[in-house]
PDB file of N, CA and C in Angstrom:
ATOM      1  N   MET A   1    -150.584-149.550  21.513  1.00  0.00           N
ATOM      2  CA  MET A   1    -151.506-151.248  21.926  1.00  0.00           C
ATOM      3  C   MET A   1    -152.265-150.455  22.937  1.00  0.00           C
ATOM      4  N   SER A   2    -153.130-150.883  23.281  1.00  0.00           N
ATOM      5  CA  SER A   2    -153.930-151.087  24.420  1.00  0.00           C
ATOM      6  C   SER A   2    -154.967-151.707  24.644  1.00  0.00           C
ATOM      7  N   ILE A   3    -154.891-152.732  25.854  1.00  0.00           N
ATOM      8  CA  ILE A   3    -155.698-154.050  25.492  1.00  0.00           C
ATOM      9  C   ILE A   3    -156.727-153.736  26.659  1.00  0.00           C
ATOM     10  N   ASP A   4    -158.273-154.168  26.180  1.00  0.00           N
ATOM     11  CA  ASP A   4    -159.156-153.929  27.047  1.00  0.00           C
ATOM     12  C   ASP A   4    -158.925-153.994  28.269  1.00  0.00           C
ATOM     13  N   PRO A   5    -158.995-153.073  29.306  1.00  0.00           N
ATOM     14  CA  PRO A   5    -158.822-153.293  30.856  1.00  0.00           C
ATOM     15  C   PRO A   5    -159.709-154.218  31.404  1.00  0.00           C
ATOM     16  N   ALA A   6    -160.425-154.519  31.139  1.00  0.00           N
ATOM     17  CA  ALA A   6    -161.498-155.816  31.360  1.00  0.00           C
ATOM     18  C   ALA A   6    -160.582-157.396  30.975  1.00  0.00           C
ATOM     19  N   LEU A   7    -160.348-156.943  29.492  1.00  0.00           N
ATOM     20  CA  LEU A   7    -159.957-158.431  29.278  1.00  0.00           C
ATOM     21  C   LEU A   7    -158.050-158.550  30.170  1.00  0.00           C
ATOM     22  N   LEU A   8    -157.321-157.433  29.993  1.00  0.00           N
ATOM     23  CA  LEU A   8    -156.158-157.852  30.875  1.00  0.00           C
ATOM     24  C   LEU A   8    -155.708-158.247  32.504  1.00  0.00           C
ATOM     25  N   GLU A   9    -157.547-157.937  33.116  1.00  0.00           N
ATOM     26  CA  GLU A   9    -157.623-158.492  34.024  1.00  0.00           C
ATOM     27  C   GLU A   9    -157.578-159.943  34.441  1.00  0.00           C
ATOM     28  N   ILE A  10    -158.560-160.722  33.414  1.00  0.00           N
ATOM     29  CA  ILE A  10    -158.208-162.074  33.193  1.00  0.00           C
ATOM     30  C   ILE A  10    -157.338-162.956  32.495  1.00  0.00           C
ATOM     31  N   PHE A  11    -156.480-161.773  31.792  1.00  0.00           N
ATOM     32  CA  PHE A  11    -155.374-162.852  31.215  1.00  0.00           C
ATOM     33  C   PHE A  11    -154.456-163.276  32.556  1.00  0.00           C
ATOM     34  N   ALA A  12    -153.578-164.227  32.118  1.00  0.00           N
ATOM     35  CA  ALA A  12    -152.564-165.050  33.245  1.00  0.00           C
ATOM     36  C   ALA A  12    -151.293-165.361  32.260  1.00  0.00           C
ATOM     37  N   CYS A  13    -149.757-165.354  33.217  1.00  0.00           N
ATOM     38  CA  CYS A  13    -149.069-165.845  32.380  1.00  0.00           C
ATOM     39  C   CYS A  13    -149.187-167.143  32.214  1.00  0.00           C
ATOM     40  N   PRO A  14    -149.408-167.990  30.926  1.00  0.00           N
ATOM     41  CA  PRO A  14    -149.394-169.483  30.676  1.00  0.00           C
ATOM     42  C   PRO A  14    -148.405-170.187  31.394  1.00  0.00           C
ATOM     43  N   GLN A  15    -147.248-169.484  31.513  1.00  0.00           N
ATOM     44  CA  GLN A  15    -146.016-170.514  32.631  1.00  0.00           C
ATOM     45  C   GLN A  15    -146.706-170.847  34.077  1.00  0.00           C
ATOM     46  N   CYS A  16    -146.797-169.339  34.966  1.00  0.00           N
ATOM     47  CA  CYS A  16    -146.649-169.581  36.366  1.00  0.00           C
ATOM     48  C   CYS A  16    -147.851-169.272  36.507  1.00  0.00           C
ATOM     49  N   HIS A  17    -148.753-168.701  35.800  1.00  0.00           N
ATOM     50  CA  HIS A  17    -150.584-168.446  35.927  1.00  0.00           C
ATOM     51  C   HIS A  17    -150.460-166.774  37.191  1.00  0.00           C
ATOM     52  N   ALA A  18    -149.182-165.812  37.091  1.00  0.00           N
ATOM     53  CA  ALA A  18    -149.546-165.123  37.655  1.00  0.00           C
ATOM     54  C   ALA A  18    -149.946-164.030  36.782  1.00  0.00           C
ATOM     55  N   PRO A  19    -150.564-162.957  37.326  1.00  0.00           N
ATOM     56  CA  PRO A  19    -150.887-161.743  36.158  1.00  0.00           C
ATOM     57  C   PRO A  19    -150.085-160.901  35.217  1.00  0.00           C
ATOM     58  N   LEU A  20    -150.596-160.762  34.312  1.00  0.00           N
ATOM     59  CA  LEU A  20    -149.783-159.618  33.190  1.00  0.00           C
ATOM     60  C   LEU A  20    -150.382-158.642  33.358  1.00  0.00           C
ATOM     61  N   ARG A  21    -148.695-157.536  33.127  1.00  0.00           N
ATOM     62  CA  ARG A  21    -149.089-155.820  32.868  1.00  0.00           C
ATOM     63  C   ARG A  21    -148.207-155.779  31.352  1.00  0.00           C
ATOM     64  N   GLU A  22    -149.577-154.428  30.991  1.00  0.00           N
ATOM     65  CA  GLU A  22    -149.042-153.939  29.526  1.00  0.00           C
ATOM     66  C   GLU A  22    -147.944-153.438  29.229  1.00  0.00           C
ATOM     67  N   THR A  23    -147.459-153.453  28.282  1.00  0.00           N
ATOM     68  CA  THR A  23    -146.124-152.536  27.989  1.00  0.00           C
ATOM     69  C   THR A  23    -146.452-152.041  26.705  1.00  0.00           C
ATOM     70  N   ALA A  24    -145.407-151.273  26.258  1.00  0.00           N
ATOM     71  CA  ALA A  24    -145.695-150.262  24.899  1.00  0.00           C
ATOM     72  C   ALA A  24    -146.436-151.695  23.700  1.00  0.00           C
ATOM     73  N   ASP A  25    -145.144-152.736  23.846  1.00  0.00           N
ATOM     74  CA  ASP A  25    -145.852-153.753  22.709  1.00  0.00           C
ATOM     75  C   ASP A  25    -145.977-154.757  23.145  1.00  0.00           C
ATOM     76  N   GLU A  26    -145.869-155.242  24.674  1.00  0.00           N
ATOM     77  CA  GLU A  26    -145.745-157.267  25.158  1.00  0.00           C
ATOM     78  C   GLU A  26    -146.932-156.836  26.354  1.00  0.00           C
ATOM     79  N   LEU A  27    -146.867-157.828  26.875  1.00  0.00           N
ATOM     80  CA  LEU A  27    -147.603-158.353  28.153  1.00  0.00           C
ATOM     81  C   LEU A  27    -146.285-158.848  28.882  1.00  0.00           C
ATOM     82  N   VAL A  28    -146.307-158.577  29.945  1.00  0.00           N
ATOM     83  CA  VAL A  28    -145.268-159.158  30.952  1.00  0.00           C
ATOM     84  C   VAL A  28    -145.484-159.522  31.965  1.00  0.00           C
ATOM     85  N   CYS A  29    -145.321-161.017  32.647  1.00  0.00           N
ATOM     86  CA  CYS A  29    -145.725-161.633  33.831  1.00  0.00           C
ATOM     87  C   CYS A  29    -145.156-160.539  35.088  1.00  0.00           C
ATOM     88  N   THR A  30    -145.862-161.008  35.923  1.00  0.00           N
ATOM     89  CA  THR A  30    -145.520-159.439  37.320  1.00  0.00           C
ATOM     90  C   THR A  30    -144.809-160.584  38.196  1.00  0.00           C
ATOM     91  N   SER A  31    -144.845-162.082  37.676  1.00  0.00           N
ATOM     92  CA  SER A  31    -144.036-162.396  38.643  1.00  0.00           C
ATOM     93  C   SER A  31    -142.407-162.270  39.035  1.00  0.00           C
ATOM     94  N   SER A  32    -141.693-162.095  39.881  1.00  0.00           N
ATOM     95  CA  SER A  32    -140.050-161.875  39.848  1.00  0.00           C
ATOM     96  C   SER A  32    -139.412-163.079  39.319  1.00  0.00           C
ATOM     97  N   ASP A  33    -139.612-164.435  39.571  1.00  0.00           N
ATOM     98  CA  ASP A  33    -139.240-165.724  39.023  1.00  0.00           C
ATOM     99  C   ASP A  33    -139.697-165.982  37.771  1.00  0.00           C
ATOM    100  N   CYS A  34    -140.724-165.543  37.005  1.00  0.00           N
ATOM    101  CA  CYS A  34    -140.510-165.831  35.379  1.00  0.00           C
ATOM    102  C   CYS A  34    -139.995-164.998  34.905  1.00  0.00           C
ATOM    103  N   GLY A  35    -140.985-163.539  34.690  1.00  0.00           N
ATOM    104  CA  GLY A  35    -140.866-162.542  33.676  1.00  0.00           C
ATOM    105  C   GLY A  35    -141.118-162.336  32.672  1.00  0.00           C
ATOM    106  N   LEU A  36    -141.695-163.650  31.972  1.00  0.00           N
ATOM    107  CA  LEU A  36    -141.672-163.739  30.331  1.00  0.00           C
ATOM    108  C   LEU A  36    -142.753-162.454  30.145  1.00  0.00           C
ATOM    109  N   ALA A  37    -142.168-162.758  28.885  1.00  0.00           N
ATOM    110  CA  ALA A  37    -143.129-161.296  27.988  1.00  0.00           C
ATOM    111  C   ALA A  37    -143.074-162.098  26.768  1.00  0.00           C
ATOM    112  N   TYR A  38    -144.839-161.773  26.762  1.00  0.00           N
ATOM    113  CA  TYR A  38    -145.699-162.535  25.188  1.00  0.00           C
ATOM    114  C   TYR A  38    -145.622-160.910  24.493  1.00  0.00           C
ATOM    115  N   PRO A  39    -145.574-161.279  23.269  1.00  0.00           N
ATOM    116  CA  PRO A  39    -145.707-160.074  22.287  1.00  0.00           C
ATOM    117  C   PRO A  39    -147.302-160.059  21.888  1.00  0.00           C
ATOM    118  N   VAL A  40    -147.620-158.704  21.597  1.00  0.00           N
ATOM    119  CA  VAL A  40    -148.530-158.293  20.805  1.00  0.00           C
ATOM    120  C   VAL A  40    -148.592-158.221  19.227  1.00  0.00           C
ATOM    121  N   ARG A  41    -149.546-158.752  18.835  1.00  0.00           N
ATOM    122  CA  ARG A  41    -149.059-158.760  17.214  1.00  0.00           C
ATOM    123  C   ARG A  41    -150.481-158.222  16.955  1.00  0.00           C
ATOM    124  N   ASP A  42    -150.446-157.336  15.652  1.00  0.00           N
ATOM    125  CA  ASP A  42    -151.859-156.768  15.204  1.00  0.00           C
ATOM    126  C   ASP A  42    -152.991-156.480  16.498  1.00  0.00           C
ATOM    127  N   GLY A  43    -152.621-156.298  17.532  1.00  0.00           N
ATOM    128  CA  GLY A  43    -153.464-156.184  18.883  1.00  0.00           C
ATOM    129  C   GLY A  43    -154.113-157.606  18.808  1.00  0.00           C
ATOM    130  N   ILE A  44    -153.142-158.109  18.869  1.00  0.00           N
ATOM    131  CA  ILE A  44    -153.452-159.326  19.615  1.00  0.00           C
ATOM    132  C   ILE A  44    -152.462-160.556  20.318  1.00  0.00           C
ATOM    133  N   PRO A  45    -153.071-160.655  21.855  1.00  0.00           N
ATOM    134  CA  PRO A  45    -151.686-161.229  22.250  1.00  0.00           C
ATOM    135  C   PRO A  45    -151.184-162.634  21.984  1.00  0.00           C
ATOM    136  N   VAL A  46    -150.225-162.957  22.411  1.00  0.00           N
ATOM    137  CA  VAL A  46    -149.958-164.083  21.851  1.00  0.00           C
ATOM    138  C   VAL A  46    -149.157-164.713  23.000  1.00  0.00           C
ATOM    139  N   LEU A  47    -150.161-165.508  23.712  1.00  0.00           N
ATOM    140  CA  LEU A  47    -149.937-166.165  24.841  1.00  0.00           C
ATOM    141  C   LEU A  47    -149.558-167.475  24.619  1.00  0.00           C
ATOM    142  N   LEU A  48    -148.475-168.009  23.733  1.00  0.00           N
ATOM    143  CA  LEU A  48    -147.602-169.094  24.009  1.00  0.00           C
ATOM    144  C   LEU A  48    -146.102-169.072  24.173  1.00  0.00           C
ATOM    145  N   ILE A  49    -145.801-169.871  25.514  1.00  0.00           N
ATOM    146  CA  ILE A  49    -144.449-169.620  25.936  1.00  0.00           C
ATOM    147  C   ILE A  49    -143.716-169.735  24.821  1.00  0.00           C
ATOM    148  N   ASP A  50    -143.770-170.769  24.040  1.00  0.00           N
ATOM    149  CA  ASP A  50    -142.629-170.797  22.911  1.00  0.00           C
ATOM    150  C   ASP A  50    -142.497-169.258  22.163  1.00  0.00           C
ATOM    151  N   GLU A  51    -143.117-168.728  22.517  1.00  0.00           N
ATOM    152  CA  GLU A  51    -143.332-167.153  21.721  1.00  0.00           C
ATOM    153  C   GLU A  51    -143.124-166.065  22.938  1.00  0.00           C
ATOM    154  N   ALA A  52    -142.948-166.512  23.683  1.00  0.00           N
ATOM    155  CA  ALA A  52    -142.345-165.475  24.965  1.00  0.00           C
ATOM    156  C   ALA A  52    -140.907-165.034  24.803  1.00  0.00           C
ATOM    157  N   ARG A  53    -141.149-163.999  25.092  1.00  0.00           N
ATOM    158  CA  ARG A  53    -139.289-163.264  25.058  1.00  0.00           C
ATOM    159  C   ARG A  53    -138.986-163.566  26.640  1.00  0.00           C
ATOM    160  N   ARG A  54    -137.853-164.638  27.062  1.00  0.00           N
ATOM    161  CA  ARG A  54    -137.199-164.636  28.502  1.00  0.00           C
ATOM    162  C   ARG A  54    -136.590-163.491  28.887  1.00  0.00           C
ATOM    163  N   PRO A  55    -136.963-163.152  30.223  1.00  0.00           N
ATOM    164  CA  PRO A  55    -135.676-162.314  30.748  1.00  0.00           C
ATOM    165  C   PRO A  55    -134.354-162.047  30.669  1.00  0.00           C
ATOM    166  N   ALA A  56    -134.277-160.712  30.732  1.00  0.00           N
ATOM    167  CA  ALA A  56    -132.759-160.128  30.475  1.00  0.00           C
ATOM    168  C   ALA A  56    -131.888-160.976  31.091  1.00  0.00           C
TER     169      ALA A  56
END
């Protein structure tokens, strides 16, 4: 998976509005207080709080 860098710059966590970073199959919130991980399905980020994985 590879999100266009221009898009990644404008994506923000829907919960806390912190920037997101790309991992192998998720976009992860960079805030240490939040840390939600949003799935990417078929190359499309699913930026819905209800679909996010909570930090361990």
